[in-house]
Amino acid sequence: MNHDLPDSTGHCILSHGFESGPEATKVTALAEVATRLGWSHERPDYTDLDAKSGVSRVGDVPARLQRLIALAASAAARGPVVLAGSSLGAYVSALASLHVPVKGLFLMVPPTSMGPMPALDAADVPTSVVHAWHDELIPAAEVIAWAGARSASLLLVNDGHRLNDHVAESAAAFEALLRRI
């Protein structure tokens, strides 16, 4: 889904997590914030890559990363880009920021490691992280340490990995990031 506005403030690429899709609740909430603030946005669909069995238990992560890098490079040629994502979408957003110029990162429940892939790393740009105290997949302590080492904004909520009870708070944190950029 692409919502280009000719005179937009910039462009947001909103990446869904594994076993999710571009219409997922969290990325939809972020898209609504972007639109309201005058940012164009797109929500890439990675479901074809996530369905690849035999690659890894979370789909074809290198191909997902390459797809995002290509989209971000194209968008960066037209103006400021912010990458945002949830879980695996956050992981590839952070890594993509090392390959293309971005103005900011918004990472929800980001994995700090992903099997044989590189550890979570990101460009030195304004970064906001939302994580759940009771995330059953990614220990909060790892994300706290990662965010602290980068002096990233960090919102910790009383929730699990899907952040089901904190979509509005996540959207508000995304809005705060876009307003800072």
Protein backbone atom coordinates (compact mmCIF):
# COMPACT_ATOMS: atom_id res chain seq x y z
CA MET A 1 0.00 0.00 0.00
CA ASN A 2 1.58 3.27 -1.10
CA HIS A 3 0.27 6.69 -0.15
CA ASP A 4 2.62 9.17 -1.82
CA LEU A 5 1.82 12.80 -1.19
CA PRO A 6 3.60 15.22 -3.52
CA ASP A 7 4.49 17.71 -0.80
CA SER A 8 4.87 15.31 2.09
CA THR A 9 7.22 15.86 4.99
CA GLY A 10 8.98 12.60 4.16
CA HIS A 11 8.30 8.93 3.60
CA CYS A 12 7.75 6.14 6.12
CA ILE A 13 8.26 2.47 5.31
CA LEU A 14 6.29 0.38 7.80
CA SER A 15 7.38 -3.26 7.99
CA HIS A 16 5.19 -5.94 9.51
CA GLY A 17 6.45 -8.82 11.61
CA PHE A 18 6.68 -12.52 10.81
CA GLU A 19 3.33 -14.31 10.45
CA SER A 20 1.68 -10.93 10.00
CA GLY A 21 0.97 -8.73 6.99
CA PRO A 22 0.78 -5.16 5.70
CA GLU A 23 -2.75 -4.72 7.10
CA ALA A 24 -1.64 -5.65 10.64
CA THR A 25 -3.03 -3.56 13.48
CA LYS A 26 0.26 -1.96 14.56
CA VAL A 27 1.54 -0.91 11.12
CA THR A 28 -1.96 0.31 10.25
CA ALA A 29 -1.92 2.52 13.36
CA LEU A 30 1.51 3.88 12.34
CA ALA A 31 0.24 4.55 8.81
CA GLU A 32 -2.63 6.60 10.26
CA VAL A 33 -0.15 8.68 12.28
CA ALA A 34 2.08 9.23 9.23
CA THR A 35 -0.86 10.39 7.12
CA ARG A 36 -2.12 12.75 9.81
CA LEU A 37 1.34 14.36 10.10
CA GLY A 38 1.80 14.74 6.34
CA TRP A 39 4.21 11.86 5.72
CA SER A 40 3.70 9.54 2.79
CA HIS A 41 4.00 5.85 3.63
CA GLU A 42 4.05 2.33 2.35
CA ARG A 43 3.61 -1.05 3.95
CA PRO A 44 5.61 -3.70 2.09
CA ASP A 45 4.18 -7.19 1.95
CA TYR A 46 6.74 -9.80 3.03
CA THR A 47 4.29 -12.70 3.37
CA ASP A 48 5.74 -14.45 0.30
CA LEU A 49 9.18 -14.47 1.93
CA ASP A 50 7.85 -15.45 5.35
CA ALA A 51 6.16 -18.50 3.80
CA LYS A 52 9.42 -19.90 2.40
CA SER A 53 10.04 -23.08 4.31
CA GLY A 54 13.49 -24.56 4.58
CA VAL A 55 15.15 -21.14 4.69
CA SER A 56 14.77 -20.51 8.43
CA ARG A 57 12.06 -20.70 11.05
CA VAL A 58 11.24 -17.06 10.28
CA GLY A 59 11.28 -17.15 6.49
CA ASP A 60 13.85 -15.66 4.17
CA VAL A 61 15.32 -12.88 6.34
CA PRO A 62 18.13 -11.90 3.89
CA ALA A 63 15.60 -11.50 1.06
CA ARG A 64 13.32 -9.46 3.35
CA LEU A 65 16.25 -7.20 4.20
CA GLN A 66 17.21 -6.78 0.54
CA ARG A 67 13.62 -5.92 -0.41
CA LEU A 68 13.50 -3.24 2.28
CA ILE A 69 16.90 -1.81 1.30
CA ALA A 70 15.72 -1.46 -2.32
CA LEU A 71 12.49 0.26 -1.26
CA ALA A 72 14.31 2.58 1.15
CA ALA A 73 16.98 3.50 -1.43
CA SER A 74 14.29 4.43 -3.93
CA ALA A 75 12.40 6.48 -1.33
CA ALA A 76 15.58 8.20 -0.06
CA ALA A 77 16.20 9.57 -3.54
CA ARG A 78 12.94 11.55 -3.15
CA GLY A 79 13.38 12.87 0.40
CA PRO A 80 13.66 12.00 4.10
CA VAL A 81 12.87 8.39 5.06
CA VAL A 82 11.85 6.88 8.39
CA LEU A 83 11.89 3.10 8.78
CA ALA A 84 9.52 1.49 11.25
CA GLY A 85 8.66 -2.09 12.02
CA SER A 86 7.47 -4.68 14.45
CA SER A 87 9.52 -7.71 15.50
CA LEU A 88 11.19 -9.10 12.35
CA GLY A 89 10.09 -5.89 10.62
CA ALA A 90 11.96 -3.90 13.27
CA TYR A 91 15.05 -6.08 12.85
CA VAL A 92 15.25 -5.57 9.08
CA SER A 93 14.43 -1.85 9.47
CA ALA A 94 17.38 -1.39 11.81
CA LEU A 95 19.79 -3.32 9.56
CA ALA A 96 18.54 -1.55 6.43
CA SER A 97 19.40 1.79 8.05
CA LEU A 98 23.06 0.79 7.80
CA HIS A 99 22.74 0.62 3.99
CA VAL A 100 20.55 3.61 3.06
CA PRO A 101 20.19 7.11 4.46
CA VAL A 102 17.33 7.39 6.93
CA LYS A 103 16.19 10.19 9.24
CA GLY A 104 14.87 7.96 12.01
CA LEU A 105 13.95 4.48 13.21
CA PHE A 106 10.92 3.23 15.08
CA LEU A 107 11.35 -0.31 16.39
CA MET A 108 8.63 -2.30 18.15
CA VAL A 109 9.73 -5.46 20.00
CA PRO A 110 12.99 -5.75 18.02
CA PRO A 111 14.93 -9.04 18.15
CA THR A 112 18.50 -8.34 19.27
CA SER A 113 19.69 -11.51 17.54
CA MET A 114 18.38 -13.56 14.64
CA GLY A 115 20.17 -16.90 14.41
CA PRO A 116 23.01 -16.77 11.88
CA MET A 117 22.13 -13.20 10.86
CA PRO A 118 24.08 -10.26 12.31
CA ALA A 119 23.18 -8.99 15.76
CA LEU A 120 20.78 -6.03 15.83
CA ASP A 121 22.57 -2.90 14.69
CA ALA A 122 21.42 0.41 13.25
CA ALA A 123 22.56 3.75 11.90
CA ASP A 124 23.19 6.54 14.38
CA VAL A 125 19.87 8.31 13.85
CA PRO A 126 17.02 9.27 16.17
CA THR A 127 15.62 5.94 17.33
CA SER A 128 12.54 5.10 19.33
CA VAL A 129 11.91 1.60 20.71
CA VAL A 130 8.73 0.12 22.18
CA HIS A 131 9.15 -3.17 24.01
CA ALA A 132 7.07 -5.37 26.29
CA TRP A 133 8.13 -6.33 29.78
CA HIS A 134 6.61 -9.78 29.28
CA ASP A 135 7.73 -10.44 25.71
CA GLU A 136 7.79 -14.22 25.44
CA LEU A 137 10.23 -14.20 22.48
CA ILE A 138 12.68 -11.36 23.13
CA PRO A 139 13.91 -10.69 26.68
CA ALA A 140 13.26 -7.12 27.78
CA ALA A 141 16.72 -6.91 29.35
CA GLU A 142 18.39 -7.42 25.94
CA VAL A 143 16.37 -4.65 24.34
CA ILE A 144 16.93 -2.32 27.30
CA ALA A 145 20.70 -2.85 27.00
CA TRP A 146 20.62 -2.31 23.22
CA ALA A 147 18.53 0.87 23.49
CA GLY A 148 20.63 2.16 26.38
CA ALA A 149 23.89 1.74 24.47
CA ARG A 150 22.41 3.93 21.71
CA SER A 151 20.63 6.44 23.97
CA ALA A 152 17.43 5.56 22.11
CA SER A 153 14.02 6.56 23.39
CA LEU A 154 12.53 3.51 25.07
CA LEU A 155 8.95 2.81 26.07
CA LEU A 156 8.46 -0.36 28.13
CA VAL A 157 4.89 -1.57 28.48
CA ASN A 158 3.10 -4.25 30.49
CA ASP A 159 2.34 -6.51 27.55
CA GLY A 160 3.54 -9.49 25.51
CA HIS A 161 5.32 -9.72 22.15
CA ARG A 162 2.34 -8.70 20.03
CA LEU A 163 1.78 -5.45 22.01
CA ASN A 164 -1.97 -6.09 21.67
CA ASP A 165 -2.85 -3.84 24.60
CA HIS A 166 -0.53 -0.99 23.62
CA VAL A 167 -1.22 -0.15 19.99
CA ALA A 168 -2.32 3.40 20.88
CA GLU A 169 0.77 3.97 23.04
CA SER A 170 2.99 2.66 20.23
CA ALA A 171 1.32 5.02 17.75
CA ALA A 172 1.83 7.94 20.16
CA ALA A 173 5.54 7.09 20.48
CA PHE A 174 5.80 6.97 16.66
CA GLU A 175 4.12 10.37 16.45
CA ALA A 176 6.63 11.77 18.95
CA LEU A 177 9.51 10.48 16.80
CA LEU A 178 8.10 11.95 13.58
CA ARG A 179 7.57 15.31 15.30
CA ARG A 180 11.23 15.31 16.48
CA ILE A 181 12.59 14.74 12.97
